[in-house]
């Protein structure tokens, strides 16, 4: 739970289990994808170390592809991209 100075509360959900194939149930993918269907916005937090082909761009592309294959309407939600 995140409470802002104005008293507004936000519930945050971490979905680290989204991997390639999540949309068809690989790993815990569909369980995590079901959670993000109920969100109002998305914050993509990406690893910025850029190890081999795991660049922030490639990671974001994979995440958006898995989300789109599961339920493309999720991608119409407001989003923020954070590279750390």
N, C-alpha and C. Protein backbone atom coordinates (compact mmCIF):
# COMPACT_ATOMS: atom_id res chain seq x y z
N UNK A 1 0.85 -1.17 0.00
CA UNK A 1 0.00 0.00 0.00
C UNK A 1 0.89 1.23 0.00
N UNK A 2 0.58 2.16 -0.85
CA UNK A 2 1.30 3.43 -0.93
C UNK A 2 0.31 4.54 -0.60
N UNK A 3 0.61 5.34 0.41
CA UNK A 3 -0.26 6.45 0.78
C UNK A 3 0.45 7.75 0.42
N UNK A 4 -0.21 8.57 -0.37
CA UNK A 4 0.34 9.85 -0.79
C UNK A 4 0.03 10.92 0.25
N UNK A 5 0.72 12.05 0.15
CA UNK A 5 0.56 13.14 1.11
C UNK A 5 -0.89 13.64 1.17
N UNK A 6 -1.61 13.54 0.05
CA UNK A 6 -3.00 14.01 0.03
C UNK A 6 -3.98 12.98 0.59
N UNK A 7 -3.45 11.83 1.07
CA UNK A 7 -4.30 10.81 1.65
C UNK A 7 -4.77 9.74 0.66
N UNK A 8 -4.44 9.89 -0.60
CA UNK A 8 -4.82 8.91 -1.60
C UNK A 8 -4.00 7.64 -1.40
N UNK A 9 -4.68 6.50 -1.42
CA UNK A 9 -4.01 5.20 -1.27
C UNK A 9 -3.91 4.50 -2.62
N UNK A 10 -2.78 3.85 -2.84
CA UNK A 10 -2.56 3.05 -4.03
C UNK A 10 -2.07 1.67 -3.60
N UNK A 11 -2.57 0.65 -4.25
CA UNK A 11 -2.09 -0.70 -4.01
C UNK A 11 -1.12 -1.06 -5.12
N UNK A 12 0.06 -1.54 -4.76
CA UNK A 12 1.09 -1.91 -5.72
C UNK A 12 1.18 -3.42 -5.81
N UNK A 13 1.47 -3.93 -7.00
CA UNK A 13 1.59 -5.37 -7.21
C UNK A 13 2.87 -5.62 -7.99
N UNK A 14 3.71 -6.50 -7.48
CA UNK A 14 4.94 -6.88 -8.15
C UNK A 14 4.69 -8.17 -8.92
N UNK A 15 5.04 -8.20 -10.20
CA UNK A 15 4.81 -9.40 -11.01
C UNK A 15 6.12 -9.86 -11.64
N UNK A 16 7.03 -10.41 -10.85
CA UNK A 16 8.33 -10.81 -11.38
C UNK A 16 8.29 -12.09 -12.21
N UNK A 17 7.18 -12.79 -12.23
CA UNK A 17 7.11 -14.08 -12.90
C UNK A 17 6.78 -14.03 -14.37
N UNK A 18 6.79 -12.87 -14.99
CA UNK A 18 6.46 -12.79 -16.41
C UNK A 18 7.72 -13.11 -17.22
N UNK A 19 7.69 -14.27 -17.86
CA UNK A 19 8.79 -14.73 -18.69
C UNK A 19 8.23 -15.09 -20.06
N UNK A 20 9.11 -15.36 -21.01
CA UNK A 20 8.62 -15.77 -22.32
C UNK A 20 7.79 -17.04 -22.17
N UNK A 21 6.60 -17.02 -22.74
CA UNK A 21 5.68 -18.15 -22.64
C UNK A 21 4.67 -18.01 -21.51
N UNK A 22 4.73 -16.91 -20.76
CA UNK A 22 3.79 -16.70 -19.66
C UNK A 22 2.35 -16.72 -20.13
N UNK A 23 2.10 -16.18 -21.30
CA UNK A 23 0.72 -16.09 -21.79
C UNK A 23 0.07 -17.45 -22.01
N UNK A 24 0.89 -18.50 -22.10
CA UNK A 24 0.34 -19.85 -22.26
C UNK A 24 0.54 -20.69 -21.00
N UNK A 25 0.90 -20.03 -19.90
CA UNK A 25 1.01 -20.72 -18.62
C UNK A 25 2.39 -21.16 -18.22
N UNK A 26 3.43 -20.79 -18.97
CA UNK A 26 4.79 -21.17 -18.59
C UNK A 26 5.15 -20.50 -17.27
N UNK A 27 5.73 -21.27 -16.37
CA UNK A 27 6.06 -20.74 -15.05
C UNK A 27 4.78 -20.37 -14.32
N UNK A 28 4.80 -19.25 -13.64
CA UNK A 28 3.62 -18.75 -12.94
C UNK A 28 2.96 -17.64 -13.75
N UNK A 29 3.27 -17.57 -15.02
CA UNK A 29 2.87 -16.46 -15.86
C UNK A 29 1.41 -16.06 -15.85
N UNK A 30 0.49 -17.00 -16.07
CA UNK A 30 -0.91 -16.60 -16.14
C UNK A 30 -1.43 -16.14 -14.78
N UNK A 31 -0.86 -16.67 -13.70
CA UNK A 31 -1.28 -16.19 -12.37
C UNK A 31 -0.89 -14.72 -12.21
N UNK A 32 0.32 -14.35 -12.65
CA UNK A 32 0.75 -12.96 -12.55
C UNK A 32 0.00 -12.09 -13.54
N UNK A 33 -0.22 -12.59 -14.75
CA UNK A 33 -0.93 -11.80 -15.75
C UNK A 33 -2.37 -11.50 -15.33
N UNK A 34 -3.01 -12.40 -14.62
CA UNK A 34 -4.36 -12.16 -14.10
C UNK A 34 -4.36 -10.98 -13.14
N UNK A 35 -3.29 -10.86 -12.35
CA UNK A 35 -3.21 -9.73 -11.41
C UNK A 35 -3.17 -8.40 -12.14
N UNK A 36 -2.42 -8.30 -13.23
CA UNK A 36 -2.30 -7.01 -13.89
C UNK A 36 -3.53 -6.63 -14.69
N UNK A 37 -4.43 -7.58 -14.93
CA UNK A 37 -5.70 -7.23 -15.57
C UNK A 37 -6.51 -6.28 -14.69
N UNK A 38 -6.33 -6.36 -13.38
CA UNK A 38 -7.11 -5.55 -12.45
C UNK A 38 -6.46 -4.21 -12.12
N UNK A 39 -5.28 -3.96 -12.65
CA UNK A 39 -4.58 -2.71 -12.34
C UNK A 39 -5.12 -1.55 -13.17
N UNK A 40 -4.88 -0.35 -12.66
CA UNK A 40 -5.28 0.85 -13.39
C UNK A 40 -4.12 1.41 -14.20
N UNK A 41 -2.89 1.05 -13.83
CA UNK A 41 -1.70 1.54 -14.52
C UNK A 41 -0.57 0.53 -14.31
N UNK A 42 0.45 0.63 -15.14
CA UNK A 42 1.60 -0.27 -15.06
C UNK A 42 2.88 0.54 -14.87
N UNK A 43 3.79 0.02 -14.07
CA UNK A 43 5.13 0.58 -13.96
C UNK A 43 6.08 -0.56 -14.31
N UNK A 44 6.78 -0.42 -15.42
CA UNK A 44 7.77 -1.41 -15.83
C UNK A 44 9.09 -1.02 -15.19
N UNK A 45 9.63 -1.87 -14.31
CA UNK A 45 10.93 -1.62 -13.69
C UNK A 45 11.91 -2.61 -14.33
N UNK A 46 12.85 -2.07 -15.11
CA UNK A 46 13.73 -2.90 -15.92
C UNK A 46 15.17 -2.84 -15.44
N UNK A 47 15.88 -3.95 -15.57
CA UNK A 47 17.30 -4.03 -15.23
C UNK A 47 18.09 -3.28 -16.30
N UNK A 48 18.82 -2.28 -15.88
CA UNK A 48 19.57 -1.45 -16.82
C UNK A 48 21.00 -1.90 -17.07
N UNK A 49 21.39 -3.07 -16.55
CA UNK A 49 22.78 -3.50 -16.72
C UNK A 49 23.07 -3.96 -18.14
N UNK A 50 22.06 -4.33 -18.90
CA UNK A 50 22.23 -4.69 -20.30
C UNK A 50 23.11 -5.90 -20.54
N UNK A 51 22.90 -6.96 -19.79
CA UNK A 51 23.69 -8.17 -19.95
C UNK A 51 23.29 -8.91 -21.22
N UNK A 52 24.22 -9.08 -22.12
CA UNK A 52 24.02 -9.76 -23.40
C UNK A 52 22.80 -9.22 -24.13
N UNK A 53 21.81 -10.07 -24.41
CA UNK A 53 20.61 -9.60 -25.13
C UNK A 53 19.53 -9.12 -24.18
N UNK A 54 19.83 -9.06 -22.88
CA UNK A 54 18.85 -8.60 -21.90
C UNK A 54 18.95 -7.09 -21.70
N UNK A 55 18.90 -6.36 -22.78
CA UNK A 55 18.90 -4.91 -22.70
C UNK A 55 17.52 -4.46 -22.21
N UNK A 56 17.43 -3.28 -21.63
CA UNK A 56 16.11 -2.79 -21.20
C UNK A 56 15.10 -2.82 -22.35
N UNK A 57 15.53 -2.45 -23.55
CA UNK A 57 14.62 -2.46 -24.70
C UNK A 57 14.10 -3.87 -24.97
N UNK A 58 14.99 -4.87 -24.99
CA UNK A 58 14.57 -6.25 -25.26
C UNK A 58 13.67 -6.80 -24.16
N UNK A 59 13.97 -6.45 -22.92
CA UNK A 59 13.13 -6.90 -21.81
C UNK A 59 11.73 -6.30 -21.93
N UNK A 60 11.66 -4.99 -22.19
CA UNK A 60 10.36 -4.33 -22.34
C UNK A 60 9.58 -4.91 -23.51
N UNK A 61 10.26 -5.16 -24.61
CA UNK A 61 9.62 -5.75 -25.79
C UNK A 61 9.02 -7.12 -25.45
N UNK A 62 9.77 -7.96 -24.71
CA UNK A 62 9.28 -9.27 -24.33
C UNK A 62 8.08 -9.15 -23.39
N UNK A 63 8.18 -8.27 -22.39
CA UNK A 63 7.07 -8.08 -21.45
C UNK A 63 5.81 -7.65 -22.16
N UNK A 64 5.93 -6.65 -23.03
CA UNK A 64 4.75 -6.15 -23.75
C UNK A 64 4.19 -7.22 -24.68
N UNK A 65 5.06 -8.02 -25.28
CA UNK A 65 4.59 -9.10 -26.15
C UNK A 65 3.80 -10.13 -25.35
N UNK A 66 4.31 -10.54 -24.20
CA UNK A 66 3.60 -11.52 -23.37
C UNK A 66 2.26 -10.97 -22.89
N UNK A 67 2.26 -9.71 -22.48
CA UNK A 67 1.00 -9.08 -22.05
C UNK A 67 0.01 -9.02 -23.20
N UNK A 68 0.49 -8.63 -24.37
CA UNK A 68 -0.38 -8.52 -25.55
C UNK A 68 -0.97 -9.87 -25.94
N UNK A 69 -0.15 -10.92 -25.91
CA UNK A 69 -0.63 -12.25 -26.27
C UNK A 69 -1.64 -12.77 -25.25
N UNK A 70 -1.53 -12.32 -24.02
CA UNK A 70 -2.49 -12.72 -22.98
C UNK A 70 -3.77 -11.92 -23.08
N UNK A 71 -3.64 -10.58 -23.13
CA UNK A 71 -4.81 -9.69 -23.21
C UNK A 71 -4.31 -8.32 -23.67
N UNK A 72 -4.44 -8.05 -24.95
CA UNK A 72 -3.86 -6.83 -25.52
C UNK A 72 -4.46 -5.54 -24.95
N UNK A 73 -5.65 -5.59 -24.37
CA UNK A 73 -6.25 -4.38 -23.82
C UNK A 73 -5.47 -3.86 -22.60
N UNK A 74 -4.69 -4.72 -21.95
CA UNK A 74 -3.88 -4.30 -20.81
C UNK A 74 -2.89 -3.21 -21.24
N UNK A 75 -2.39 -3.32 -22.46
CA UNK A 75 -1.39 -2.36 -22.94
C UNK A 75 -1.95 -0.96 -23.17
N UNK A 76 -3.25 -0.80 -23.12
CA UNK A 76 -3.83 0.53 -23.29
C UNK A 76 -3.86 1.31 -21.96
N UNK A 77 -3.48 0.66 -20.88
CA UNK A 77 -3.45 1.32 -19.57
C UNK A 77 -2.26 2.29 -19.51
N UNK A 78 -2.38 3.35 -18.72
CA UNK A 78 -1.24 4.25 -18.56
C UNK A 78 -0.04 3.47 -18.01
N UNK A 79 1.16 3.86 -18.45
CA UNK A 79 2.35 3.16 -17.98
C UNK A 79 3.53 4.10 -17.84
N UNK A 80 4.47 3.66 -17.00
CA UNK A 80 5.72 4.36 -16.78
C UNK A 80 6.82 3.32 -16.93
N UNK A 81 7.94 3.72 -17.52
CA UNK A 81 9.09 2.82 -17.66
C UNK A 81 10.22 3.33 -16.78
N UNK A 82 10.72 2.49 -15.89
CA UNK A 82 11.83 2.83 -15.01
C UNK A 82 12.97 1.87 -15.32
N UNK A 83 14.15 2.41 -15.60
CA UNK A 83 15.33 1.58 -15.82
C UNK A 83 16.28 1.83 -14.65
N UNK A 84 16.57 0.75 -13.93
CA UNK A 84 17.41 0.90 -12.73
C UNK A 84 18.65 0.04 -12.85
